Amino acid sequence: DIMYHAKLANGEVLQPGSYRLEIPLNTQTPKLKFFRDGKLVATAPARVKTEVRKADATEIDYRHAGDVQYITEVRPEGMNEALVLTKSSKLKSGS
């Protein structure tokens, strides 16, 4: 679930709501695909970062710059890897 009206690093915008996330495996630079109501609505390049624990549920990290929320990281349920969508020093911590 996306909690906020949020942008991806490539500028694509996702509205709040439920999405299905498709993640290609076996690559260090996957392109995430966001589906809503069975339709592809956005794609986002990412890099893989190994975490110390598996995620109990899918977790999404947000950062804000001004009044814009950015999705910066996705940790899929059951995986010990995070998918980093952006890494910009211009972004400030937020929730």
Protein backbone atom coordinates (compact mmCIF):
# COMPACT_ATOMS: atom_id res chain seq x y z
CA ASP A 1 0.00 0.00 0.00
CA ILE A 2 1.20 3.50 -0.89
CA MET A 3 0.23 5.86 1.93
CA TYR A 4 0.94 9.19 0.26
CA HIS A 5 0.74 10.87 -3.13
CA ALA A 6 4.37 10.07 -3.93
CA LYS A 7 6.97 10.49 -6.65
CA LEU A 8 9.53 7.98 -7.78
CA ALA A 9 13.12 9.02 -8.55
CA ASN A 10 12.36 9.11 -12.29
CA GLY A 11 9.50 11.60 -11.74
CA GLU A 12 6.59 9.18 -12.10
CA VAL A 13 3.80 9.76 -9.57
CA LEU A 14 1.82 7.16 -7.62
CA GLN A 15 -1.50 7.95 -5.98
CA PRO A 16 -2.28 6.54 -2.51
CA GLY A 17 -3.70 3.04 -2.65
CA SER A 18 -2.88 -0.64 -3.13
CA TYR A 19 -0.42 -1.77 -5.77
CA ARG A 20 1.08 -5.04 -6.88
CA LEU A 21 4.84 -4.77 -7.18
CA GLU A 22 6.74 -6.91 -9.68
CA ILE A 23 10.45 -7.30 -9.02
CA PRO A 24 12.81 -9.06 -11.43
CA LEU A 25 15.08 -11.42 -9.50
CA ASN A 26 18.76 -12.17 -9.99
CA THR A 27 19.89 -8.68 -10.91
CA GLN A 28 21.59 -5.93 -8.90
CA THR A 29 19.79 -3.24 -10.94
CA PRO A 30 16.14 -4.34 -11.19
CA LYS A 31 13.40 -2.24 -12.73
CA LEU A 32 10.40 -2.31 -10.40
CA LYS A 33 6.94 -2.40 -11.93
CA PHE A 34 3.93 -0.98 -10.07
CA PHE A 35 0.51 -2.38 -11.07
CA ARG A 36 -2.90 -1.07 -10.00
CA ASP A 37 -6.15 -2.77 -10.96
CA GLY A 38 -4.16 -5.09 -13.23
CA LYS A 39 -2.57 -2.23 -15.21
CA LEU A 40 1.08 -1.20 -15.25
CA VAL A 41 1.09 2.36 -13.90
CA ALA A 42 4.78 3.07 -13.20
CA THR A 43 8.28 1.65 -13.43
CA ALA A 44 11.32 2.59 -11.41
CA PRO A 45 14.97 1.59 -11.64
CA ALA A 46 16.50 0.45 -8.36
CA ARG A 47 19.61 -1.01 -6.85
CA VAL A 48 19.66 -3.90 -4.39
CA LYS A 49 20.91 -3.43 -0.83
CA THR A 50 21.26 -6.41 1.54
CA GLU A 51 19.52 -6.03 4.92
CA VAL A 52 20.32 -7.87 8.16
CA ARG A 53 16.79 -9.24 8.54
CA LYS A 54 13.92 -10.34 6.35
CA ALA A 55 10.98 -7.96 6.19
CA ASP A 56 7.91 -9.30 8.04
CA ALA A 57 5.70 -7.24 5.73
CA THR A 58 6.40 -5.05 2.71
CA GLU A 59 7.86 -1.78 3.97
CA ILE A 60 8.10 1.49 2.04
CA ASP A 61 10.35 4.38 3.05
CA TYR A 62 9.44 7.94 2.14
CA ARG A 63 11.44 11.16 2.20
CA HIS A 64 10.10 14.61 1.61
CA ALA A 65 11.45 17.68 -0.12
CA GLY A 66 9.18 20.66 0.34
CA ASP A 67 5.65 19.34 -0.01
CA VAL A 68 6.58 16.35 -2.20
CA GLN A 69 6.84 12.79 -0.84
CA TYR A 70 9.37 10.53 -2.57
CA ILE A 71 9.48 6.75 -2.32
CA THR A 72 13.13 6.01 -1.61
CA GLU A 73 13.20 2.36 -0.62
CA VAL A 74 11.04 -0.76 -0.76
CA ARG A 75 11.66 -3.84 1.39
CA PRO A 76 9.44 -6.67 0.08
CA GLU A 77 7.89 -9.10 2.54
CA GLY A 78 10.04 -12.17 3.18
CA MET A 79 13.16 -10.74 1.54
CA ASN A 80 16.36 -9.63 3.23
CA GLU A 81 17.03 -7.11 0.48
CA ALA A 82 15.94 -3.52 0.09
CA LEU A 83 15.33 -1.92 -3.28
CA VAL A 84 16.75 1.60 -3.24
CA LEU A 85 14.91 3.91 -5.64
CA THR A 86 16.77 7.17 -5.03
CA LYS A 87 19.61 8.52 -3.01
CA SER A 88 19.67 12.31 -3.10
CA SER A 89 21.22 14.64 -0.54
CA LYS A 90 18.40 17.09 -1.35
CA LEU A 91 15.83 14.88 0.36
CA LYS A 92 15.03 15.29 4.05
CA SER A 93 13.75 12.63 6.41
CA GLY A 94 10.02 12.43 6.83
CA SER A 95 7.19 10.02 7.31
